[in-house]
Amino acid sequence: MKISCIQENINTGLNIVNKIVSKNTSLPILSNILLKTENKNLNLIATNLEIAIKYIIRCKVEEDGEIAVPSDIFSNYINILPKERVDISNINNDLDIKCGKYKTKIVGNDVLDFPIVPSINTDVCYKIGIDVIKEFVPQVIFAVSVSQIKPEISGVLFNFSEDGLIVTATDGYRIAEKTIKLSNKNKPIKVIIQTRVLQELFRIVSVLQKDSMFTGQESNDVEMYISNTQVVFKHHYFELVSKVISGTYPDYEPVVPKSFTTRAVINTEDFIRGVKASSLFSRTNIFDVVVELNSQDKTVTIKGSAANIGESIVEYEDAKIEGEGSKIILNYKYLLSGLLNITSEEFAIETTASTNPCIIRPATDGTESKYLYVIMPLRQ
């Protein structure tokens, strides 16, 4: 292998793939990154056997080849180099690196020991915009269950219809759901994606946009390919491959209220501040705040009270309230998690009874995508 590339480009790629590199002592090859030339590009490949990332770097390829090198030493060394041309060659299974005044040799490992990154059938392609990914991932993954007792809810459900996608996460106490309108026609399918995979996908597209890697010549879509056991997210610069979570996602739709008896529209930033203030006076390990919607006085009140601390009352006057009055006790941590993912200036809270789930959503949702967050109330 003999190539030349820009230090900044290879450094960006290493920052992306390094997050997947495993420190598995029983399989030391997993602590390596595979460098492989393909189609006149350099591929950086890392895997932990659950997830694999391939990052594609434009470079000048004089000789094709491949080599596995320890991630830590290679990444740290490249990071130190000046932002100049880097010449890399593979000689007798050693990686020679030259950059200006800098010269080094890193002992490589046998590429035959490096795990093969699986490929899947790519006949059916689902396309999701990069900006859409950056929007919906943080809006749902916080609600994923961390329990291993029910692995099917330890991931995020992707439910594709012909013209859209519904992304859902739940831990049994709350539900976060994002409905996305897609421009291309799709084959209906449901698949449960690992949370870690979506975190990596979000991180990758964020890094690339921050480093101005997208020039506008590449597609703004990430292609998604799904099989019975695996999923691939693919773009001009990267491929992210992972196992999917097996099992059937629970039927959560009956839990989502289809109507309301009380609805209030409130300024999002003001309400978040009020919840934070009252949360300081919630009971230890209960995390309770009382939200009261008074339809007669047109007020919204947030209360926090603990006998050994004191109490807090935040009242919003001239609120936009329709329907009858309502009072509901909520876990303030769950409440804030949903509110902090509302990007609109105002949000709506909809309730039916103090013991029934309530819904939080943007006061006005666009036609392209809709977001809702369902919270189970705390009992008296």
Foldseek 3Di string as FASTA:
>chain_A
DKWKDWLVQVLLVLVQQCVAQDPDPVQNLQQKWKWWDDPQWTWTWHHPPFKIKIFTGHIGDPDTDMWIFGSPVVNVVSVPAPRAMWIWDADPQWIWIDDVVDTDIGHTDDPVSPDDDDDDDPPFKDKDFLVRLLQVLLQAQVAAAPDPVDVQQQFWKWWDAQFWTKIWHHRPFKIKIKIFGHDGTHDTDIFTAHSVLSVSSNVSSVSCVVVVVDPPPWDRIWIWDDDQFKIWTDTPTMIMIGTTDDDDHDPCVVQDDPAFQKKWKDFLVVVLVQLVVQQVAADPPPQKWKWKQAPVQRKIWIKHHDPVPGMDIDMDGNIDMDGHIAMEMARSVLVNSNSVSAPDRMKMWGHHYRQGKIKIWRPDDDPRMTIIMIGGTDDD
